[in-house]
Amino acid sequence: MTGLKTLCWIGFSVGLAAAIGTMRFLYGWSLKPFIYGSLTPMLALTFSGASDPDLTKVLGLAWDAGAVTTRPVTVPLFWLWVSALRWPHGKAIPDYPVSELS
């Protein structure tokens, strides 16, 4: 049950991040409040975890894992968003094979 609960939280978090990112682009919100709002609690958790000898061994790994998983998630979403914005409005999207897109 714990694995399912973790998987649901990850799915919820990714969906929430995608929704907030989309709203940020649509409404022109600044990125700084989102960075400060997410970084502040993460730094607080890091400093509180640094006082536990068992957690100090994995704190660097946790930050690295967060950085490694960010690119595979955000790059395809960003490419999709840029492609959608560059496509002329009112024109049909042709069906190209995936091999012709690269």
C-alpha atoms as a PDB file:
ATOM      1  CA  MET A   1       0.000   0.000   0.000  1.00  0.00           C
ATOM      2  CA  THR A   2       2.895   2.375   0.677  1.00  0.00           C
ATOM      3  CA  GLY A   3       4.200   2.078  -2.888  1.00  0.00           C
ATOM      4  CA  LEU A   4       0.768   2.878  -4.306  1.00  0.00           C
ATOM      5  CA  LYS A   5       0.429   5.861  -1.988  1.00  0.00           C
ATOM      6  CA  THR A   6       3.846   7.167  -3.064  1.00  0.00           C
ATOM      7  CA  LEU A   7       2.991   6.672  -6.722  1.00  0.00           C
ATOM      8  CA  CYS A   8      -0.267   8.599  -6.285  1.00  0.00           C
ATOM      9  CA  TRP A   9       1.557  11.481  -4.587  1.00  0.00           C
ATOM     10  CA  ILE A  10       4.130  11.611  -7.390  1.00  0.00           C
ATOM     11  CA  GLY A  11       1.398  11.603 -10.035  1.00  0.00           C
ATOM     12  CA  PHE A  12      -0.520  14.325  -8.197  1.00  0.00           C
ATOM     13  CA  SER A  13       2.614  16.459  -7.819  1.00  0.00           C
ATOM     14  CA  VAL A  14       3.577  16.157 -11.489  1.00  0.00           C
ATOM     15  CA  GLY A  15       0.027  16.999 -12.566  1.00  0.00           C
ATOM     16  CA  LEU A  16      -0.094  19.991 -10.226  1.00  0.00           C
ATOM     17  CA  ALA A  17       3.276  21.242 -11.487  1.00  0.00           C
ATOM     18  CA  ALA A  18       2.120  20.908 -15.105  1.00  0.00           C
ATOM     19  CA  ALA A  19      -1.136  22.743 -14.350  1.00  0.00           C
ATOM     20  CA  ILE A  20       0.632  25.567 -12.523  1.00  0.00           C
ATOM     21  CA  GLY A  21       3.227  25.815 -15.305  1.00  0.00           C
ATOM     22  CA  THR A  22       0.485  26.048 -17.917  1.00  0.00           C
ATOM     23  CA  MET A  23      -1.383  28.713 -15.956  1.00  0.00           C
ATOM     24  CA  ARG A  24       1.876  30.610 -15.500  1.00  0.00           C
ATOM     25  CA  PHE A  25       2.373  30.745 -19.273  1.00  0.00           C
ATOM     26  CA  LEU A  26      -1.255  31.593 -19.991  1.00  0.00           C
ATOM     27  CA  TYR A  27      -1.530  34.394 -17.451  1.00  0.00           C
ATOM     28  CA  GLY A  28       2.043  35.693 -17.675  1.00  0.00           C
ATOM     29  CA  TRP A  29       2.873  35.061 -14.024  1.00  0.00           C
ATOM     30  CA  SER A  30       6.459  35.643 -12.926  1.00  0.00           C
ATOM     31  CA  LEU A  31       8.605  32.607 -12.156  1.00  0.00           C
ATOM     32  CA  LYS A  32      10.290  34.113  -9.077  1.00  0.00           C
ATOM     33  CA  PRO A  33       7.414  33.554  -6.589  1.00  0.00           C
ATOM     34  CA  PHE A  34       7.220  29.903  -7.611  1.00  0.00           C
ATOM     35  CA  ILE A  35      10.961  29.432  -7.188  1.00  0.00           C
ATOM     36  CA  TYR A  36      11.050  31.144  -3.797  1.00  0.00           C
ATOM     37  CA  GLY A  37       7.854  29.411  -2.685  1.00  0.00           C
ATOM     38  CA  SER A  38       9.198  25.951  -3.472  1.00  0.00           C
ATOM     39  CA  LEU A  39      12.857  26.462  -2.589  1.00  0.00           C
ATOM     40  CA  THR A  40      12.245  27.896   0.884  1.00  0.00           C
ATOM     41  CA  PRO A  41      10.506  24.804   2.325  1.00  0.00           C
ATOM     42  CA  MET A  42      13.001  22.503   0.589  1.00  0.00           C
ATOM     43  CA  LEU A  43      15.935  24.315   2.168  1.00  0.00           C
ATOM     44  CA  ALA A  44      14.202  24.210   5.558  1.00  0.00           C
ATOM     45  CA  LEU A  45      13.677  20.454   5.204  1.00  0.00           C
ATOM     46  CA  THR A  46      17.298  20.026   4.113  1.00  0.00           C
ATOM     47  CA  PHE A  47      18.650  21.904   7.121  1.00  0.00           C
ATOM     48  CA  SER A  48      16.368  20.051   9.514  1.00  0.00           C
ATOM     49  CA  GLY A  49      17.401  16.729   7.934  1.00  0.00           C
ATOM     50  CA  ALA A  50      21.073  17.651   8.248  1.00  0.00           C
ATOM     51  CA  SER A  51      20.781  17.304  12.023  1.00  0.00           C
ATOM     52  CA  ASP A  52      19.920  13.597  11.663  1.00  0.00           C
ATOM     53  CA  PRO A  53      23.048  11.477  11.061  1.00  0.00           C
ATOM     54  CA  ASP A  54      21.139   8.924   8.973  1.00  0.00           C
ATOM     55  CA  LEU A  55      19.657  11.566   6.656  1.00  0.00           C
ATOM     56  CA  THR A  56      22.922  13.397   6.036  1.00  0.00           C
ATOM     57  CA  LYS A  57      24.056  10.409   3.963  1.00  0.00           C
ATOM     58  CA  VAL A  58      21.205  10.817   1.456  1.00  0.00           C
ATOM     59  CA  LEU A  59      20.621  14.584   1.330  1.00  0.00           C
ATOM     60  CA  GLY A  60      22.936  15.087  -1.642  1.00  0.00           C
ATOM     61  CA  LEU A  61      21.343  12.128  -3.379  1.00  0.00           C
ATOM     62  CA  ALA A  62      17.885  13.632  -2.851  1.00  0.00           C
ATOM     63  CA  TRP A  63      18.893  16.932  -4.438  1.00  0.00           C
ATOM     64  CA  ASP A  64      20.617  15.148  -7.336  1.00  0.00           C
ATOM     65  CA  ALA A  65      17.595  12.911  -7.924  1.00  0.00           C
ATOM     66  CA  GLY A  66      15.358  15.972  -8.086  1.00  0.00           C
ATOM     67  CA  ALA A  67      17.627  17.625 -10.634  1.00  0.00           C
ATOM     68  CA  VAL A  68      17.949  14.475 -12.750  1.00  0.00           C
ATOM     69  CA  THR A  69      14.195  13.907 -12.961  1.00  0.00           C
ATOM     70  CA  THR A  70      13.429  17.510 -13.848  1.00  0.00           C
ATOM     71  CA  ARG A  71      14.911  17.417 -17.355  1.00  0.00           C
ATOM     72  CA  PRO A  72      13.087  14.348 -18.729  1.00  0.00           C
ATOM     73  CA  VAL A  73       9.779  15.756 -17.525  1.00  0.00           C
ATOM     74  CA  THR A  74      10.117  19.412 -18.483  1.00  0.00           C
ATOM     75  CA  VAL A  75      11.924  19.263 -21.825  1.00  0.00           C
ATOM     76  CA  PRO A  76       9.202  17.325 -23.700  1.00  0.00           C
ATOM     77  CA  LEU A  77       6.482  19.490 -22.142  1.00  0.00           C
ATOM     78  CA  PHE A  78       8.357  22.656 -23.071  1.00  0.00           C
ATOM     79  CA  TRP A  79       8.908  21.387 -26.647  1.00  0.00           C
ATOM     80  CA  LEU A  80       5.208  20.594 -26.960  1.00  0.00           C
ATOM     81  CA  TRP A  81       4.250  24.043 -25.654  1.00  0.00           C
ATOM     82  CA  VAL A  82       6.656  25.873 -28.003  1.00  0.00           C
ATOM     83  CA  SER A  83       5.485  23.806 -30.967  1.00  0.00           C
ATOM     84  CA  ALA A  84       1.855  24.559 -30.187  1.00  0.00           C
ATOM     85  CA  LEU A  85       2.531  28.289 -29.939  1.00  0.00           C
ATOM     86  CA  ARG A  86       4.508  28.410 -33.188  1.00  0.00           C
ATOM     87  CA  TRP A  87       1.830  26.611 -35.232  1.00  0.00           C
ATOM     88  CA  PRO A  88      -0.335  29.058 -37.246  1.00  0.00           C
ATOM     89  CA  HIS A  89      -3.824  29.316 -35.807  1.00  0.00           C
ATOM     90  CA  GLY A  90      -6.629  27.948 -37.929  1.00  0.00           C
ATOM     91  CA  LYS A  91      -4.448  25.530 -39.904  1.00  0.00           C
ATOM     92  CA  ALA A  92      -4.681  21.765 -39.625  1.00  0.00           C
ATOM     93  CA  ILE A  93      -1.767  19.895 -38.110  1.00  0.00           C
ATOM     94  CA  PRO A  94      -0.411  17.403 -40.680  1.00  0.00           C
ATOM     95  CA  ASP A  95       0.180  13.790 -39.774  1.00  0.00           C
ATOM     96  CA  TYR A  96       3.947  13.390 -39.992  1.00  0.00           C
ATOM     97  CA  PRO A  97       5.722  10.200 -39.038  1.00  0.00           C
ATOM     98  CA  VAL A  98       7.796  10.675 -35.911  1.00  0.00           C
ATOM     99  CA  SER A  99      11.012   9.979 -37.836  1.00  0.00           C
ATOM    100  CA  GLU A 100      10.456  13.084 -40.022  1.00  0.00           C
ATOM    101  CA  LEU A 101      10.156  15.434 -37.026  1.00  0.00           C
ATOM    102  CA  SER A 102      13.785  15.156 -35.932  1.00  0.00           C
END
